mmCIF file of all heavy atoms, coordinates in Angstrom:
data_MODEL
# 
_entry.id   MODEL 
# 
loop_
_atom_site.group_PDB 
_atom_site.id 
_atom_site.type_symbol 
_atom_site.label_atom_id 
_atom_site.label_alt_id 
_atom_site.label_comp_id 
_atom_site.label_asym_id 
_atom_site.label_entity_id 
_atom_site.label_seq_id 
_atom_site.pdbx_PDB_ins_code 
_atom_site.Cartn_x 
_atom_site.Cartn_y 
_atom_site.Cartn_z 
_atom_site.occupancy 
_atom_site.B_iso_or_equiv 
_atom_site.pdbx_formal_charge 
_atom_site.auth_seq_id 
_atom_site.auth_comp_id 
_atom_site.auth_asym_id 
_atom_site.auth_atom_id 
_atom_site.pdbx_PDB_model_num 
ATOM 1   N N   . TYR A 1 1  ? -41.473 -34.810 -37.655 1.00 0.00 ? 1  TYR A N   1 
ATOM 2   C CA  . TYR A 1 1  ? -40.647 -34.377 -38.783 1.00 0.00 ? 1  TYR A CA  1 
ATOM 3   C C   . TYR A 1 1  ? -39.767 -33.187 -38.418 1.00 0.00 ? 1  TYR A C   1 
ATOM 4   O O   . TYR A 1 1  ? -38.660 -33.043 -38.940 1.00 0.00 ? 1  TYR A O   1 
ATOM 5   C CB  . TYR A 1 1  ? -41.519 -34.048 -39.997 1.00 0.00 ? 1  TYR A CB  1 
ATOM 6   C CG  . TYR A 1 1  ? -42.076 -35.279 -40.662 1.00 0.00 ? 1  TYR A CG  1 
ATOM 7   C CD1 . TYR A 1 1  ? -43.449 -35.469 -40.793 1.00 0.00 ? 1  TYR A CD1 1 
ATOM 8   C CD2 . TYR A 1 1  ? -41.231 -36.281 -41.139 1.00 0.00 ? 1  TYR A CD2 1 
ATOM 9   C CE1 . TYR A 1 1  ? -43.965 -36.617 -41.393 1.00 0.00 ? 1  TYR A CE1 1 
ATOM 10  C CE2 . TYR A 1 1  ? -41.741 -37.425 -41.734 1.00 0.00 ? 1  TYR A CE2 1 
ATOM 11  C CZ  . TYR A 1 1  ? -43.109 -37.583 -41.852 1.00 0.00 ? 1  TYR A CZ  1 
ATOM 12  O OH  . TYR A 1 1  ? -43.603 -38.723 -42.439 1.00 0.00 ? 1  TYR A OH  1 
ATOM 13  N N   . GLU A 1 2  ? -40.239 -32.362 -37.491 1.00 0.00 ? 2  GLU A N   1 
ATOM 14  C CA  . GLU A 1 2  ? -39.423 -31.232 -37.056 1.00 0.00 ? 2  GLU A CA  1 
ATOM 15  C C   . GLU A 1 2  ? -38.272 -31.681 -36.168 1.00 0.00 ? 2  GLU A C   1 
ATOM 16  O O   . GLU A 1 2  ? -37.358 -30.898 -35.889 1.00 0.00 ? 2  GLU A O   1 
ATOM 17  C CB  . GLU A 1 2  ? -40.304 -30.198 -36.346 1.00 0.00 ? 2  GLU A CB  1 
ATOM 18  C CG  . GLU A 1 2  ? -41.213 -29.450 -37.323 1.00 0.00 ? 2  GLU A CG  1 
ATOM 19  C CD  . GLU A 1 2  ? -42.103 -28.422 -36.656 1.00 0.00 ? 2  GLU A CD  1 
ATOM 20  O OE1 . GLU A 1 2  ? -42.052 -28.323 -35.408 1.00 0.00 ? 2  GLU A OE1 1 
ATOM 21  O OE2 . GLU A 1 2  ? -42.835 -27.715 -37.365 1.00 0.00 ? 2  GLU A OE2 1 
ATOM 22  N N   . SER A 1 3  ? -38.296 -32.935 -35.742 1.00 0.00 ? 3  SER A N   1 
ATOM 23  C CA  . SER A 1 3  ? -37.154 -33.552 -35.064 1.00 0.00 ? 3  SER A CA  1 
ATOM 24  C C   . SER A 1 3  ? -36.271 -34.314 -36.049 1.00 0.00 ? 3  SER A C   1 
ATOM 25  O O   . SER A 1 3  ? -35.045 -34.235 -35.994 1.00 0.00 ? 3  SER A O   1 
ATOM 26  C CB  . SER A 1 3  ? -37.650 -34.498 -33.960 1.00 0.00 ? 3  SER A CB  1 
ATOM 27  O OG  . SER A 1 3  ? -36.600 -35.285 -33.437 1.00 0.00 ? 3  SER A OG  1 
ATOM 28  N N   . ILE A 1 4  ? -36.908 -35.039 -36.975 1.00 0.00 ? 4  ILE A N   1 
ATOM 29  C CA  . ILE A 1 4  ? -36.181 -35.886 -37.920 1.00 0.00 ? 4  ILE A CA  1 
ATOM 30  C C   . ILE A 1 4  ? -35.344 -35.055 -38.895 1.00 0.00 ? 4  ILE A C   1 
ATOM 31  O O   . ILE A 1 4  ? -34.142 -35.314 -39.096 1.00 0.00 ? 4  ILE A O   1 
ATOM 32  C CB  . ILE A 1 4  ? -37.173 -36.764 -38.710 1.00 0.00 ? 4  ILE A CB  1 
ATOM 33  C CG1 . ILE A 1 4  ? -37.838 -37.786 -37.802 1.00 0.00 ? 4  ILE A CG1 1 
ATOM 34  C CG2 . ILE A 1 4  ? -36.480 -37.455 -39.886 1.00 0.00 ? 4  ILE A CG2 1 
ATOM 35  C CD1 . ILE A 1 4  ? -39.070 -38.442 -38.414 1.00 0.00 ? 4  ILE A CD1 1 
ATOM 36  N N   . ILE A 1 5  ? -35.959 -34.065 -39.509 1.00 0.00 ? 5  ILE A N   1 
ATOM 37  C CA  . ILE A 1 5  ? -35.292 -33.346 -40.606 1.00 0.00 ? 5  ILE A CA  1 
ATOM 38  C C   . ILE A 1 5  ? -34.054 -32.587 -40.143 1.00 0.00 ? 5  ILE A C   1 
ATOM 39  O O   . ILE A 1 5  ? -33.002 -32.658 -40.810 1.00 0.00 ? 5  ILE A O   1 
ATOM 40  C CB  . ILE A 1 5  ? -36.308 -32.450 -41.339 1.00 0.00 ? 5  ILE A CB  1 
ATOM 41  C CG1 . ILE A 1 5  ? -37.293 -33.342 -42.108 1.00 0.00 ? 5  ILE A CG1 1 
ATOM 42  C CG2 . ILE A 1 5  ? -35.601 -31.480 -42.294 1.00 0.00 ? 5  ILE A CG2 1 
ATOM 43  C CD1 . ILE A 1 5  ? -38.438 -32.605 -42.767 1.00 0.00 ? 5  ILE A CD1 1 
ATOM 44  N N   . PRO A 1 6  ? -34.075 -31.850 -39.022 1.00 0.00 ? 6  PRO A N   1 
ATOM 45  C CA  . PRO A 1 6  ? -32.829 -31.212 -38.589 1.00 0.00 ? 6  PRO A CA  1 
ATOM 46  C C   . PRO A 1 6  ? -31.688 -32.192 -38.336 1.00 0.00 ? 6  PRO A C   1 
ATOM 47  O O   . PRO A 1 6  ? -30.516 -31.877 -38.608 1.00 0.00 ? 6  PRO A O   1 
ATOM 48  C CB  . PRO A 1 6  ? -33.240 -30.494 -37.299 1.00 0.00 ? 6  PRO A CB  1 
ATOM 49  C CG  . PRO A 1 6  ? -34.696 -30.218 -37.471 1.00 0.00 ? 6  PRO A CG  1 
ATOM 50  C CD  . PRO A 1 6  ? -35.224 -31.433 -38.186 1.00 0.00 ? 6  PRO A CD  1 
ATOM 51  N N   . THR A 1 7  ? -32.015 -33.378 -37.838 1.00 0.00 ? 7  THR A N   1 
ATOM 52  C CA  . THR A 1 7  ? -30.962 -34.385 -37.633 1.00 0.00 ? 7  THR A CA  1 
ATOM 53  C C   . THR A 1 7  ? -30.339 -34.799 -38.960 1.00 0.00 ? 7  THR A C   1 
ATOM 54  O O   . THR A 1 7  ? -29.107 -34.896 -39.090 1.00 0.00 ? 7  THR A O   1 
ATOM 55  C CB  . THR A 1 7  ? -31.535 -35.625 -36.916 1.00 0.00 ? 7  THR A CB  1 
ATOM 56  O OG1 . THR A 1 7  ? -32.078 -35.232 -35.658 1.00 0.00 ? 7  THR A OG1 1 
ATOM 57  C CG2 . THR A 1 7  ? -30.452 -36.674 -36.697 1.00 0.00 ? 7  THR A CG2 1 
ATOM 58  N N   . LEU A 1 8  ? -31.180 -35.046 -39.966 1.00 0.00 ? 8  LEU A N   1 
ATOM 59  C CA  . LEU A 1 8  ? -30.672 -35.405 -41.289 1.00 0.00 ? 8  LEU A CA  1 
ATOM 60  C C   . LEU A 1 8  ? -29.817 -34.286 -41.874 1.00 0.00 ? 8  LEU A C   1 
ATOM 61  O O   . LEU A 1 8  ? -28.775 -34.542 -42.500 1.00 0.00 ? 8  LEU A O   1 
ATOM 62  C CB  . LEU A 1 8  ? -31.845 -35.702 -42.227 1.00 0.00 ? 8  LEU A CB  1 
ATOM 63  C CG  . LEU A 1 8  ? -32.674 -36.947 -41.917 1.00 0.00 ? 8  LEU A CG  1 
ATOM 64  C CD1 . LEU A 1 8  ? -33.947 -36.956 -42.760 1.00 0.00 ? 8  LEU A CD1 1 
ATOM 65  C CD2 . LEU A 1 8  ? -31.857 -38.211 -42.162 1.00 0.00 ? 8  LEU A CD2 1 
ATOM 66  N N   . LEU A 1 9  ? -30.243 -33.039 -41.662 1.00 0.00 ? 9  LEU A N   1 
ATOM 67  C CA  . LEU A 1 9  ? -29.492 -31.906 -42.205 1.00 0.00 ? 9  LEU A CA  1 
ATOM 68  C C   . LEU A 1 9  ? -28.169 -31.724 -41.475 1.00 0.00 ? 9  LEU A C   1 
ATOM 69  O O   . LEU A 1 9  ? -27.128 -31.493 -42.107 1.00 0.00 ? 9  LEU A O   1 
ATOM 70  C CB  . LEU A 1 9  ? -30.333 -30.631 -42.104 1.00 0.00 ? 9  LEU A CB  1 
ATOM 71  C CG  . LEU A 1 9  ? -31.620 -30.593 -42.938 1.00 0.00 ? 9  LEU A CG  1 
ATOM 72  C CD1 . LEU A 1 9  ? -32.377 -29.302 -42.677 1.00 0.00 ? 9  LEU A CD1 1 
ATOM 73  C CD2 . LEU A 1 9  ? -31.311 -30.745 -44.418 1.00 0.00 ? 9  LEU A CD2 1 
ATOM 74  N N   . GLU A 1 10 ? -28.183 -31.819 -40.157 1.00 0.00 ? 10 GLU A N   1 
ATOM 75  C CA  . GLU A 1 10 ? -26.947 -31.651 -39.383 1.00 0.00 ? 10 GLU A CA  1 
ATOM 76  C C   . GLU A 1 10 ? -25.956 -32.774 -39.676 1.00 0.00 ? 10 GLU A C   1 
ATOM 77  O O   . GLU A 1 10 ? -24.739 -32.544 -39.699 1.00 0.00 ? 10 GLU A O   1 
ATOM 78  C CB  . GLU A 1 10 ? -27.265 -31.598 -37.885 1.00 0.00 ? 10 GLU A CB  1 
ATOM 79  C CG  . GLU A 1 10 ? -28.034 -30.369 -37.440 1.00 0.00 ? 10 GLU A CG  1 
ATOM 80  C CD  . GLU A 1 10 ? -27.193 -29.096 -37.441 1.00 0.00 ? 10 GLU A CD  1 
ATOM 81  O OE1 . GLU A 1 10 ? -25.962 -29.183 -37.661 1.00 0.00 ? 10 GLU A OE1 1 
ATOM 82  O OE2 . GLU A 1 10 ? -27.776 -28.010 -37.233 1.00 0.00 ? 10 GLU A OE2 1 
ATOM 83  N N   . ASP A 1 11 ? -26.465 -33.976 -39.908 1.00 0.00 ? 11 ASP A N   1 
ATOM 84  C CA  . ASP A 1 11 ? -25.590 -35.101 -40.243 1.00 0.00 ? 11 ASP A CA  1 
ATOM 85  C C   . ASP A 1 11 ? -25.171 -35.079 -41.706 1.00 0.00 ? 11 ASP A C   1 
ATOM 86  O O   . ASP A 1 11 ? -24.339 -35.892 -42.124 1.00 0.00 ? 11 ASP A O   1 
ATOM 87  C CB  . ASP A 1 11 ? -26.283 -36.429 -39.934 1.00 0.00 ? 11 ASP A CB  1 
ATOM 88  C CG  . ASP A 1 11 ? -26.267 -36.763 -38.453 1.00 0.00 ? 11 ASP A CG  1 
ATOM 89  O OD1 . ASP A 1 11 ? -25.673 -35.988 -37.673 1.00 0.00 ? 11 ASP A OD1 1 
ATOM 90  O OD2 . ASP A 1 11 ? -26.855 -37.792 -38.062 1.00 0.00 ? 11 ASP A OD2 1 
ATOM 91  N N   . ARG A 1 12 ? -25.772 -34.187 -42.478 1.00 0.00 ? 12 ARG A N   1 
ATOM 92  C CA  . ARG A 1 12 ? -25.435 -33.992 -43.892 1.00 0.00 ? 12 ARG A CA  1 
ATOM 93  C C   . ARG A 1 12 ? -25.454 -35.314 -44.659 1.00 0.00 ? 12 ARG A C   1 
ATOM 94  O O   . ARG A 1 12 ? -24.509 -35.668 -45.344 1.00 0.00 ? 12 ARG A O   1 
ATOM 95  C CB  . ARG A 1 12 ? -24.097 -33.271 -44.014 1.00 0.00 ? 12 ARG A CB  1 
ATOM 96  C CG  . ARG A 1 12 ? -24.219 -31.806 -43.590 1.00 0.00 ? 12 ARG A CG  1 
ATOM 97  C CD  . ARG A 1 12 ? -22.907 -31.112 -43.339 1.00 0.00 ? 12 ARG A CD  1 
ATOM 98  N NE  . ARG A 1 12 ? -23.120 -29.690 -43.106 1.00 0.00 ? 12 ARG A NE  1 
ATOM 99  C CZ  . ARG A 1 12 ? -23.498 -29.153 -41.926 1.00 0.00 ? 12 ARG A CZ  1 
ATOM 100 N NH1 . ARG A 1 12 ? -23.702 -29.943 -40.877 1.00 0.00 ? 12 ARG A NH1 1 
ATOM 101 N NH2 . ARG A 1 12 ? -23.672 -27.844 -41.807 1.00 0.00 ? 12 ARG A NH2 1 
ATOM 102 N N   . VAL A 1 13 ? -26.581 -36.016 -44.509 1.00 0.00 ? 13 VAL A N   1 
ATOM 103 C CA  . VAL A 1 13 ? -26.809 -37.219 -45.309 1.00 0.00 ? 13 VAL A CA  1 
ATOM 104 C C   . VAL A 1 13 ? -26.983 -36.808 -46.770 1.00 0.00 ? 13 VAL A C   1 
ATOM 105 O O   . VAL A 1 13 ? -26.488 -37.474 -47.683 1.00 0.00 ? 13 VAL A O   1 
ATOM 106 C CB  . VAL A 1 13 ? -28.047 -37.976 -44.806 1.00 0.00 ? 13 VAL A CB  1 
ATOM 107 C CG1 . VAL A 1 13 ? -28.194 -39.306 -45.523 1.00 0.00 ? 13 VAL A CG1 1 
ATOM 108 C CG2 . VAL A 1 13 ? -27.975 -38.178 -43.297 1.00 0.00 ? 13 VAL A CG2 1 
ATOM 109 N N   . HIS A 1 14 ? -27.687 -35.715 -46.976 1.00 0.00 ? 14 HIS A N   1 
ATOM 110 C CA  . HIS A 1 14 ? -27.815 -35.049 -48.271 1.00 0.00 ? 14 HIS A CA  1 
ATOM 111 C C   . HIS A 1 14 ? -27.306 -33.623 -48.140 1.00 0.00 ? 14 HIS A C   1 
ATOM 112 O O   . HIS A 1 14 ? -27.315 -33.056 -47.032 1.00 0.00 ? 14 HIS A O   1 
ATOM 113 C CB  . HIS A 1 14 ? -29.276 -34.945 -48.701 1.00 0.00 ? 14 HIS A CB  1 
ATOM 114 C CG  . HIS A 1 14 ? -29.912 -36.214 -49.142 1.00 0.00 ? 14 HIS A CG  1 
ATOM 115 N ND1 . HIS A 1 14 ? -31.220 -36.261 -49.602 1.00 0.00 ? 14 HIS A ND1 1 
ATOM 116 C CD2 . HIS A 1 14 ? -29.456 -37.497 -49.214 1.00 0.00 ? 14 HIS A CD2 1 
ATOM 117 C CE1 . HIS A 1 14 ? -31.531 -37.500 -49.931 1.00 0.00 ? 14 HIS A CE1 1 
ATOM 118 N NE2 . HIS A 1 14 ? -30.486 -38.278 -49.689 1.00 0.00 ? 14 HIS A NE2 1 
ATOM 119 N N   . LEU A 1 15 ? -26.943 -33.032 -49.263 1.00 0.00 ? 15 LEU A N   1 
ATOM 120 C CA  . LEU A 1 15 ? -26.895 -31.584 -49.392 1.00 0.00 ? 15 LEU A CA  1 
ATOM 121 C C   . LEU A 1 15 ? -28.106 -31.204 -50.240 1.00 0.00 ? 15 LEU A C   1 
ATOM 122 O O   . LEU A 1 15 ? -28.078 -31.349 -51.464 1.00 0.00 ? 15 LEU A O   1 
ATOM 123 C CB  . LEU A 1 15 ? -25.597 -31.122 -50.069 1.00 0.00 ? 15 LEU A CB  1 
ATOM 124 C CG  . LEU A 1 15 ? -24.284 -31.410 -49.338 1.00 0.00 ? 15 LEU A CG  1 
ATOM 125 C CD1 . LEU A 1 15 ? -23.114 -30.829 -50.133 1.00 0.00 ? 15 LEU A CD1 1 
ATOM 126 C CD2 . LEU A 1 15 ? -24.298 -30.861 -47.915 1.00 0.00 ? 15 LEU A CD2 1 
ATOM 127 N N   . PRO A 1 16 ? -29.211 -30.767 -49.616 1.00 0.00 ? 16 PRO A N   1 
ATOM 128 C CA  . PRO A 1 16 ? -30.375 -30.376 -50.404 1.00 0.00 ? 16 PRO A CA  1 
ATOM 129 C C   . PRO A 1 16 ? -29.997 -29.270 -51.393 1.00 0.00 ? 16 PRO A C   1 
ATOM 130 O O   . PRO A 1 16 ? -29.208 -28.376 -51.068 1.00 0.00 ? 16 PRO A O   1 
ATOM 131 C CB  . PRO A 1 16 ? -31.368 -29.872 -49.353 1.00 0.00 ? 16 PRO A CB  1 
ATOM 132 C CG  . PRO A 1 16 ? -30.944 -30.543 -48.078 1.00 0.00 ? 16 PRO A CG  1 
ATOM 133 C CD  . PRO A 1 16 ? -29.455 -30.613 -48.165 1.00 0.00 ? 16 PRO A CD  1 
ATOM 134 N N   . SER A 1 17 ? -30.601 -29.326 -52.574 1.00 0.00 ? 17 SER A N   1 
ATOM 135 C CA  . SER A 1 17 ? -30.208 -28.379 -53.608 1.00 0.00 ? 17 SER A CA  1 
ATOM 136 C C   . SER A 1 17 ? -31.358 -27.489 -54.054 1.00 0.00 ? 17 SER A C   1 
ATOM 137 O O   . SER A 1 17 ? -31.336 -26.286 -53.846 1.00 0.00 ? 17 SER A O   1 
ATOM 138 C CB  . SER A 1 17 ? -29.631 -29.127 -54.820 1.00 0.00 ? 17 SER A CB  1 
ATOM 139 O OG  . SER A 1 17 ? -28.493 -29.871 -54.450 1.00 0.00 ? 17 SER A OG  1 
ATOM 140 N N   . TYR A 1 18 ? -32.374 -28.072 -54.694 1.00 0.00 ? 18 TYR A N   1 
ATOM 141 C CA  . TYR A 1 18 ? -33.414 -27.225 -55.274 1.00 0.00 ? 18 TYR A CA  1 
ATOM 142 C C   . TYR A 1 18 ? -34.701 -28.011 -55.488 1.00 0.00 ? 18 TYR A C   1 
ATOM 143 O O   . TYR A 1 18 ? -34.718 -29.237 -55.457 1.00 0.00 ? 18 TYR A O   1 
ATOM 144 C CB  . TYR A 1 18 ? -32.958 -26.627 -56.613 1.00 0.00 ? 18 TYR A CB  1 
ATOM 145 C CG  . TYR A 1 18 ? -32.537 -27.637 -57.663 1.00 0.00 ? 18 TYR A CG  1 
ATOM 146 C CD1 . TYR A 1 18 ? -33.436 -28.110 -58.611 1.00 0.00 ? 18 TYR A CD1 1 
ATOM 147 C CD2 . TYR A 1 18 ? -31.228 -28.113 -57.715 1.00 0.00 ? 18 TYR A CD2 1 
ATOM 148 C CE1 . TYR A 1 18 ? -33.053 -29.025 -59.575 1.00 0.00 ? 18 TYR A CE1 1 
ATOM 149 C CE2 . TYR A 1 18 ? -30.837 -29.035 -58.676 1.00 0.00 ? 18 TYR A CE2 1 
ATOM 150 C CZ  . TYR A 1 18 ? -31.748 -29.488 -59.602 1.00 0.00 ? 18 TYR A CZ  1 
ATOM 151 O OH  . TYR A 1 18 ? -31.364 -30.407 -60.564 1.00 0.00 ? 18 TYR A OH  1 
ATOM 152 N N   . SER A 1 19 ? -35.765 -27.269 -55.681 1.00 0.00 ? 19 SER A N   1 
ATOM 153 C CA  . SER A 1 19 ? -37.028 -27.804 -56.188 1.00 0.00 ? 19 SER A CA  1 
ATOM 154 C C   . SER A 1 19 ? -37.272 -27.149 -57.538 1.00 0.00 ? 19 SER A C   1 
ATOM 155 O O   . SER A 1 19 ? -37.157 -25.923 -57.668 1.00 0.00 ? 19 SER A O   1 
ATOM 156 C CB  . SER A 1 19 ? -38.193 -27.481 -55.247 1.00 0.00 ? 19 SER A CB  1 
ATOM 157 O OG  . SER A 1 19 ? -38.175 -28.286 -54.094 1.00 0.00 ? 19 SER A OG  1 
ATOM 158 N N   . LEU A 1 20 ? -37.574 -27.958 -58.534 1.00 0.00 ? 20 LEU A N   1 
ATOM 159 C CA  . LEU A 1 20 ? -37.889 -27.410 -59.849 1.00 0.00 ? 20 LEU A CA  1 
ATOM 160 C C   . LEU A 1 20 ? -39.323 -26.911 -59.894 1.00 0.00 ? 20 LEU A C   1 
ATOM 161 O O   . LEU A 1 20 ? -40.211 -27.469 -59.242 1.00 0.00 ? 20 LEU A O   1 
ATOM 162 C CB  . LEU A 1 20 ? -37.701 -28.477 -60.931 1.00 0.00 ? 20 LEU A CB  1 
ATOM 163 C CG  . LEU A 1 20 ? -36.273 -28.760 -61.398 1.00 0.00 ? 20 LEU A CG  1 
ATOM 164 C CD1 . LEU A 1 20 ? -36.284 -29.869 -62.443 1.00 0.00 ? 20 LEU A CD1 1 
ATOM 165 C CD2 . LEU A 1 20 ? -35.608 -27.511 -61.964 1.00 0.00 ? 20 LEU A CD2 1 
ATOM 166 N N   . ARG A 1 21 ? -39.540 -25.878 -60.672 1.00 0.00 ? 21 ARG A N   1 
ATOM 167 C CA  . ARG A 1 21 ? -40.890 -25.454 -60.979 1.00 0.00 ? 21 ARG A CA  1 
ATOM 168 C C   . ARG A 1 21 ? -41.433 -26.324 -62.102 1.00 0.00 ? 21 ARG A C   1 
ATOM 169 O O   . ARG A 1 21 ? -40.667 -26.831 -62.924 1.00 0.00 ? 21 ARG A O   1 
ATOM 170 C CB  . ARG A 1 21 ? -40.900 -23.982 -61.411 1.00 0.00 ? 21 ARG A CB  1 
ATOM 171 C CG  . ARG A 1 21 ? -40.402 -23.019 -60.338 1.00 0.00 ? 21 ARG A CG  1 
ATOM 172 C CD  . ARG A 1 21 ? -40.449 -21.587 -60.818 1.00 0.00 ? 21 ARG A CD  1 
ATOM 173 N NE  . ARG A 1 21 ? -41.809 -21.103 -60.952 1.00 0.00 ? 21 ARG A NE  1 
ATOM 174 C CZ  . ARG A 1 21 ? -42.550 -20.604 -59.973 1.00 0.00 ? 21 ARG A CZ  1 
ATOM 175 N NH1 . ARG A 1 21 ? -42.053 -20.531 -58.755 1.00 0.00 ? 21 ARG A NH1 1 
ATOM 176 N NH2 . ARG A 1 21 ? -43.782 -20.184 -60.179 1.00 0.00 ? 21 ARG A NH2 1 
ATOM 177 N N   . VAL A 1 22 ? -42.734 -26.555 -62.113 1.00 0.00 ? 22 VAL A N   1 
ATOM 178 C CA  . VAL A 1 22 ? -43.383 -27.170 -63.263 1.00 0.00 ? 22 VAL A CA  1 
ATOM 179 C C   . VAL A 1 22 ? -43.518 -26.062 -64.302 1.00 0.00 ? 22 VAL A C   1 
ATOM 180 O O   . VAL A 1 22 ? -44.289 -25.118 -64.118 1.00 0.00 ? 22 VAL A O   1 
ATOM 181 C CB  . VAL A 1 22 ? -44.747 -27.758 -62.892 1.00 0.00 ? 22 VAL A CB  1 
ATOM 182 C CG1 . VAL A 1 22 ? -45.482 -28.227 -64.143 1.00 0.00 ? 22 VAL A CG1 1 
ATOM 183 C CG2 . VAL A 1 22 ? -44.575 -28.912 -61.917 1.00 0.00 ? 22 VAL A CG2 1 
ATOM 184 N N   . SER A 1 23 ? -42.736 -26.146 -65.366 1.00 0.00 ? 23 SER A N   1 
ATOM 185 C CA  . SER A 1 23 ? -42.634 -25.070 -66.353 1.00 0.00 ? 23 SER A CA  1 
ATOM 186 C C   . SER A 1 23 ? -42.979 -25.616 -67.725 1.00 0.00 ? 23 SER A C   1 
ATOM 187 O O   . SER A 1 23 ? -42.277 -26.495 -68.245 1.00 0.00 ? 23 SER A O   1 
ATOM 188 C CB  . SER A 1 23 ? -41.227 -24.475 -66.347 1.00 0.00 ? 23 SER A CB  1 
ATOM 189 O OG  . SER A 1 23 ? -40.887 -24.017 -65.052 1.00 0.00 ? 23 SER A OG  1 
ATOM 190 N N   . ILE A 1 24 ? -44.055 -25.093 -68.296 1.00 0.00 ? 24 ILE A N   1 
ATOM 191 C CA  . ILE A 1 24 ? -44.618 -25.649 -69.521 1.00 0.00 ? 24 ILE A CA  1 
ATOM 192 C C   . ILE A 1 24 ? -44.835 -24.536 -70.536 1.00 0.00 ? 24 ILE A C   1 
ATOM 193 O O   . ILE A 1 24 ? -45.412 -23.488 -70.211 1.00 0.00 ? 24 ILE A O   1 
ATOM 194 C CB  . ILE A 1 24 ? -45.942 -26.378 -69.228 1.00 0.00 ? 24 ILE A CB  1 
ATOM 195 C CG1 . ILE A 1 24 ? -45.693 -27.551 -68.259 1.00 0.00 ? 24 ILE A CG1 1 
ATOM 196 C CG2 . ILE A 1 24 ? -46.594 -26.880 -70.503 1.00 0.00 ? 24 ILE A CG2 1 
ATOM 197 C CD1 . ILE A 1 24 ? -46.939 -28.299 -67.851 1.00 0.00 ? 24 ILE A CD1 1 
ATOM 198 N N   . GLY A 1 25 ? -44.382 -24.768 -71.761 1.00 0.00 ? 25 GLY A N   1 
ATOM 199 C CA  . GLY A 1 25 ? -44.631 -23.850 -72.855 1.00 0.00 ? 25 GLY A CA  1 
ATOM 200 C C   . GLY A 1 25 ? -45.905 -24.240 -73.587 1.00 0.00 ? 25 GLY A C   1 
ATOM 201 O O   . GLY A 1 25 ? -46.117 -25.415 -73.888 1.00 0.00 ? 25 GLY A O   1 
ATOM 202 N N   . VAL A 1 26 ? -46.755 -23.256 -73.869 1.00 0.00 ? 26 VAL A N   1 
ATOM 203 C CA  . VAL A 1 26 ? -48.072 -23.513 -74.458 1.00 0.00 ? 26 VAL A CA  1 
ATOM 204 C C   . VAL A 1 26 ? -48.265 -22.602 -75.665 1.00 0.00 ? 26 VAL A C   1 
ATOM 205 O O   . VAL A 1 26 ? -48.130 -21.374 -75.549 1.00 0.00 ? 26 VAL A O   1 
ATOM 206 C CB  . VAL A 1 26 ? -49.197 -23.265 -73.432 1.00 0.00 ? 26 VAL A CB  1 
ATOM 207 C CG1 . VAL A 1 26 ? -50.553 -23.629 -74.028 1.00 0.00 ? 26 VAL A CG1 1 
ATOM 208 C CG2 . VAL A 1 26 ? -48.945 -24.059 -72.148 1.00 0.00 ? 26 VAL A CG2 1 
ATOM 209 N N   . ARG A 1 27 ? -48.576 -23.181 -76.819 1.00 0.00 ? 27 ARG A N   1 
ATOM 210 C CA  . ARG A 1 27 ? -48.869 -22.378 -77.999 1.00 0.00 ? 27 ARG A CA  1 
ATOM 211 C C   . ARG A 1 27 ? -50.123 -21.534 -77.796 1.00 0.00 ? 27 ARG A C   1 
ATOM 212 O O   . ARG A 1 27 ? -51.039 -21.927 -77.082 1.00 0.00 ? 27 ARG A O   1 
ATOM 213 C CB  . ARG A 1 27 ? -49.033 -23.274 -79.226 1.00 0.00 ? 27 ARG A CB  1 
ATOM 214 C CG  . ARG A 1 27 ? -47.719 -23.757 -79.834 1.00 0.00 ? 27 ARG A CG  1 
ATOM 215 C CD  . ARG A 1 27 ? -46.872 -22.615 -80.352 1.00 0.00 ? 27 ARG A CD  1 
ATOM 216 N NE  . ARG A 1 27 ? -47.515 -21.890 -81.431 1.00 0.00 ? 27 ARG A NE  1 
ATOM 217 C CZ  . ARG A 1 27 ? -47.159 -21.984 -82.712 1.00 0.00 ? 27 ARG A CZ  1 
ATOM 218 N NH1 . ARG A 1 27 ? -46.163 -22.770 -83.067 1.00 0.00 ? 27 ARG A NH1 1 
ATOM 219 N NH2 . ARG A 1 27 ? -47.796 -21.287 -83.631 1.00 0.00 ? 27 ARG A NH2 1 
ATOM 220 N N   . ASP A 1 28 ? -50.170 -20.381 -78.482 1.00 0.00 ? 28 ASP A N   1 
ATOM 221 C CA  . ASP A 1 28 ? -51.229 -19.417 -78.219 1.00 0.00 ? 28 ASP A CA  1 
ATOM 222 C C   . ASP A 1 28 ? -52.604 -19.886 -78.681 1.00 0.00 ? 28 ASP A C   1 
ATOM 223 O O   . ASP A 1 28 ? -53.626 -19.335 -78.257 1.00 0.00 ? 28 ASP A O   1 
ATOM 224 C CB  . ASP A 1 28 ? -50.897 -18.061 -78.848 1.00 0.00 ? 28 ASP A CB  1 
ATOM 225 C CG  . ASP A 1 28 ? -50.531 -18.157 -80.318 1.00 0.00 ? 28 ASP A CG  1 
ATOM 226 O OD1 . ASP A 1 28 ? -50.715 -19.243 -80.909 1.00 0.00 ? 28 ASP A OD1 1 
ATOM 227 O OD2 . ASP A 1 28 ? -50.065 -17.144 -80.874 1.00 0.00 ? 28 ASP A OD2 1 
ATOM 228 N N   . TYR A 1 29 ? -52.676 -20.913 -79.529 1.00 0.00 ? 29 TYR A N   1 
ATOM 229 C CA  . TYR A 1 29 ? -53.978 -21.410 -79.969 1.00 0.00 ? 29 TYR A CA  1 
ATOM 230 C C   . TYR A 1 29 ? -54.528 -22.502 -79.056 1.00 0.00 ? 29 TYR A C   1 
ATOM 231 O O   . TYR A 1 29 ? -55.621 -23.017 -79.288 1.00 0.00 ? 29 TYR A O   1 
ATOM 232 C CB  . TYR A 1 29 ? -53.913 -21.927 -81.409 1.00 0.00 ? 29 TYR A CB  1 
ATOM 233 C CG  . TYR A 1 29 ? -52.777 -22.887 -81.677 1.00 0.00 ? 29 TYR A CG  1 
ATOM 234 C CD1 . TYR A 1 29 ? -52.801 -24.204 -81.231 1.00 0.00 ? 29 TYR A CD1 1 
ATOM 235 C CD2 . TYR A 1 29 ? -51.652 -22.469 -82.385 1.00 0.00 ? 29 TYR A CD2 1 
ATOM 236 C CE1 . TYR A 1 29 ? -51.761 -25.078 -81.460 1.00 0.00 ? 29 TYR A CE1 1 
ATOM 237 C CE2 . TYR A 1 29 ? -50.597 -23.338 -82.634 1.00 0.00 ? 29 TYR A CE2 1 
ATOM 238 C CZ  . TYR A 1 29 ? -50.646 -24.637 -82.174 1.00 0.00 ? 29 TYR A CZ  1 
ATOM 239 O OH  . TYR A 1 29 ? -49.609 -25.501 -82.413 1.00 0.00 ? 29 TYR A OH  1 
# 
């Protein structure tokens, strides 16, 4: 993977953007 991923990044198959956090609102009760 340390060989595969740099190739994908250099070839710009994707422009990686972000990872979302798991964000949850919880009532106090």
